[in-house]
């Protein structure tokens, strides 16, 4: 997974693969040799599914952290550009900055 392109479809595919893997493991030991032996494949399948999901969560957490850093940088750039443009408008015409003026159709 990792990187851009991580989507709900990707998560659904991982979850489906985990479920299919768990089903396969459980079907391997269908004979009953006591409750402990029957539960073992299910427990192993659950542990494997949890491991896959934990990895997916870690990867998604990294994606979210990276995206938040990008959002922070872009937010600072937009604020800087807005301030620069407001200064340019006040220096150029001495009027009210365009952002504070009412649109002509009002």
C-alpha atoms as a PDB file:
ATOM      1  CA  UNK A   1       0.000   0.000   0.000  1.00  0.00           C
ATOM      2  CA  UNK A   2       1.666   3.283   1.110  1.00  0.00           C
ATOM      3  CA  UNK A   3       1.803   6.604  -0.685  1.00  0.00           C
ATOM      4  CA  UNK A   4      -0.948   8.260  -2.568  1.00  0.00           C
ATOM      5  CA  UNK A   5      -3.717   6.177  -4.024  1.00  0.00           C
ATOM      6  CA  UNK A   6      -4.608   4.661  -0.665  1.00  0.00           C
ATOM      7  CA  UNK A   7      -8.357   4.483  -0.728  1.00  0.00           C
ATOM      8  CA  UNK A   8     -11.360   2.763   0.720  1.00  0.00           C
ATOM      9  CA  UNK A   9     -11.140   0.238  -2.125  1.00  0.00           C
ATOM     10  CA  UNK A  10      -7.585  -0.638  -1.099  1.00  0.00           C
ATOM     11  CA  UNK A  11      -8.657  -1.144   2.494  1.00  0.00           C
ATOM     12  CA  UNK A  12     -11.593  -3.288   1.411  1.00  0.00           C
ATOM     13  CA  UNK A  13      -9.229  -5.440  -0.660  1.00  0.00           C
ATOM     14  CA  UNK A  14      -6.893  -5.911   2.319  1.00  0.00           C
ATOM     15  CA  UNK A  15      -9.799  -6.786   4.603  1.00  0.00           C
ATOM     16  CA  UNK A  16     -11.188  -9.262   2.045  1.00  0.00           C
ATOM     17  CA  UNK A  17      -7.770 -10.901   1.688  1.00  0.00           C
ATOM     18  CA  UNK A  18      -7.493 -11.231   5.475  1.00  0.00           C
ATOM     19  CA  UNK A  19     -10.946 -12.795   5.701  1.00  0.00           C
ATOM     20  CA  UNK A  20     -10.231 -15.199   2.831  1.00  0.00           C
ATOM     21  CA  UNK A  21      -6.935 -16.174   4.426  1.00  0.00           C
ATOM     22  CA  UNK A  22      -8.658 -16.767   7.758  1.00  0.00           C
ATOM     23  CA  UNK A  23     -11.351 -18.894   6.091  1.00  0.00           C
ATOM     24  CA  UNK A  24      -8.723 -21.015   4.353  1.00  0.00           C
ATOM     25  CA  UNK A  25      -6.824 -21.652   7.568  1.00  0.00           C
ATOM     26  CA  UNK A  26     -10.001 -22.589   9.439  1.00  0.00           C
ATOM     27  CA  UNK A  27     -11.016 -25.097   6.741  1.00  0.00           C
ATOM     28  CA  UNK A  28      -7.649 -26.886   6.932  1.00  0.00           C
ATOM     29  CA  UNK A  29      -8.458 -28.350  10.346  1.00  0.00           C
ATOM     30  CA  UNK A  30     -12.130 -29.176  10.260  1.00  0.00           C
ATOM     31  CA  UNK A  31     -11.764 -32.366  12.245  1.00  0.00           C
ATOM     32  CA  UNK A  32     -12.555 -32.119  15.935  1.00  0.00           C
ATOM     33  CA  UNK A  33      -9.815 -33.220  18.311  1.00  0.00           C
ATOM     34  CA  UNK A  34     -11.080 -31.188  21.218  1.00  0.00           C
ATOM     35  CA  UNK A  35     -11.986 -27.556  21.623  1.00  0.00           C
ATOM     36  CA  UNK A  36      -8.342 -26.443  21.854  1.00  0.00           C
ATOM     37  CA  UNK A  37      -7.407 -27.919  18.469  1.00  0.00           C
ATOM     38  CA  UNK A  38     -10.430 -26.459  16.708  1.00  0.00           C
ATOM     39  CA  UNK A  39      -9.832 -22.985  18.140  1.00  0.00           C
ATOM     40  CA  UNK A  40      -6.127 -22.937  17.246  1.00  0.00           C
ATOM     41  CA  UNK A  41      -6.578 -22.297  13.495  1.00  0.00           C
ATOM     42  CA  UNK A  42      -9.189 -19.643  14.205  1.00  0.00           C
ATOM     43  CA  UNK A  43      -6.889 -17.982  16.704  1.00  0.00           C
ATOM     44  CA  UNK A  44      -3.993 -18.058  14.269  1.00  0.00           C
ATOM     45  CA  UNK A  45      -6.199 -16.663  11.512  1.00  0.00           C
ATOM     46  CA  UNK A  46      -7.361 -13.883  13.814  1.00  0.00           C
ATOM     47  CA  UNK A  47      -3.802 -13.044  14.793  1.00  0.00           C
ATOM     48  CA  UNK A  48      -2.760 -12.892  11.147  1.00  0.00           C
ATOM     49  CA  UNK A  49      -5.718 -10.714  10.257  1.00  0.00           C
ATOM     50  CA  UNK A  50      -4.876  -8.379  13.141  1.00  0.00           C
ATOM     51  CA  UNK A  51      -1.249  -8.219  11.985  1.00  0.00           C
ATOM     52  CA  UNK A  52      -2.316  -7.272   8.438  1.00  0.00           C
ATOM     53  CA  UNK A  53      -4.761  -4.677   9.708  1.00  0.00           C
ATOM     54  CA  UNK A  54      -2.179  -3.242  12.119  1.00  0.00           C
ATOM     55  CA  UNK A  55       0.240  -2.827   9.231  1.00  0.00           C
ATOM     56  CA  UNK A  56      -2.459  -1.136   7.157  1.00  0.00           C
ATOM     57  CA  UNK A  57      -3.267   1.221  10.040  1.00  0.00           C
ATOM     58  CA  UNK A  58       0.428   2.098  10.439  1.00  0.00           C
ATOM     59  CA  UNK A  59       0.766   2.824   6.723  1.00  0.00           C
ATOM     60  CA  UNK A  60      -2.390   4.936   6.698  1.00  0.00           C
ATOM     61  CA  UNK A  61      -1.179   6.805   9.761  1.00  0.00           C
ATOM     62  CA  UNK A  62       2.015   7.683   7.900  1.00  0.00           C
ATOM     63  CA  UNK A  63      -0.032   8.876   4.925  1.00  0.00           C
ATOM     64  CA  UNK A  64      -2.209  11.078   7.137  1.00  0.00           C
ATOM     65  CA  UNK A  65       0.840  12.544   8.905  1.00  0.00           C
ATOM     66  CA  UNK A  66       2.495  13.357   5.559  1.00  0.00           C
ATOM     67  CA  UNK A  67      -0.698  14.928   4.245  1.00  0.00           C
ATOM     68  CA  UNK A  68      -1.036  17.044   7.390  1.00  0.00           C
ATOM     69  CA  UNK A  69       2.518  18.347   6.925  1.00  0.00           C
ATOM     70  CA  UNK A  70       1.683  19.230   3.307  1.00  0.00           C
ATOM     71  CA  UNK A  71      -1.529  20.981   4.397  1.00  0.00           C
ATOM     72  CA  UNK A  72       0.398  23.002   7.001  1.00  0.00           C
ATOM     73  CA  UNK A  73       2.958  24.137   4.405  1.00  0.00           C
ATOM     74  CA  UNK A  74       0.264  25.044   1.889  1.00  0.00           C
ATOM     75  CA  UNK A  75      -1.766  26.919   4.513  1.00  0.00           C
ATOM     76  CA  UNK A  76       1.279  29.032   5.411  1.00  0.00           C
ATOM     77  CA  UNK A  77       1.948  29.740   1.726  1.00  0.00           C
ATOM     78  CA  UNK A  78      -1.641  30.829   1.077  1.00  0.00           C
ATOM     79  CA  UNK A  79      -1.592  33.127   4.133  1.00  0.00           C
ATOM     80  CA  UNK A  80       1.700  34.650   2.966  1.00  0.00           C
ATOM     81  CA  UNK A  81       0.354  35.192  -0.559  1.00  0.00           C
ATOM     82  CA  UNK A  82      -2.860  36.761   0.751  1.00  0.00           C
ATOM     83  CA  UNK A  83      -0.875  39.133   2.957  1.00  0.00           C
ATOM     84  CA  UNK A  84       1.467  40.014   0.090  1.00  0.00           C
ATOM     85  CA  UNK A  85      -1.469  40.719  -2.240  1.00  0.00           C
ATOM     86  CA  UNK A  86      -3.254  42.849   0.380  1.00  0.00           C
ATOM     87  CA  UNK A  87      -0.084  44.911   0.833  1.00  0.00           C
ATOM     88  CA  UNK A  88       0.248  45.284  -2.935  1.00  0.00           C
ATOM     89  CA  UNK A  89      -3.363  46.497  -3.232  1.00  0.00           C
ATOM     90  CA  UNK A  90      -3.025  49.092  -0.458  1.00  0.00           C
ATOM     91  CA  UNK A  91       0.301  50.386  -1.824  1.00  0.00           C
ATOM     92  CA  UNK A  92      -0.972  50.539  -5.399  1.00  0.00           C
ATOM     93  CA  UNK A  93      -4.225  52.405  -5.066  1.00  0.00           C
ATOM     94  CA  UNK A  94      -4.616  53.511  -1.498  1.00  0.00           C
ATOM     95  CA  UNK A  95      -8.127  52.060  -1.556  1.00  0.00           C
ATOM     96  CA  UNK A  96      -9.794  49.341   0.412  1.00  0.00           C
ATOM     97  CA  UNK A  97      -8.206  45.963  -0.364  1.00  0.00           C
ATOM     98  CA  UNK A  98     -10.154  44.067  -2.995  1.00  0.00           C
ATOM     99  CA  UNK A  99     -10.857  41.215  -0.590  1.00  0.00           C
ATOM    100  CA  UNK A 100     -12.732  43.631   1.700  1.00  0.00           C
ATOM    101  CA  UNK A 101     -14.808  45.292  -1.041  1.00  0.00           C
ATOM    102  CA  UNK A 102     -18.347  44.256  -1.862  1.00  0.00           C
ATOM    103  CA  UNK A 103     -18.833  42.575  -5.228  1.00  0.00           C
ATOM    104  CA  UNK A 104     -20.334  44.857  -7.931  1.00  0.00           C
ATOM    105  CA  UNK A 105     -23.622  42.937  -8.058  1.00  0.00           C
ATOM    106  CA  UNK A 106     -24.541  43.944  -4.449  1.00  0.00           C
END
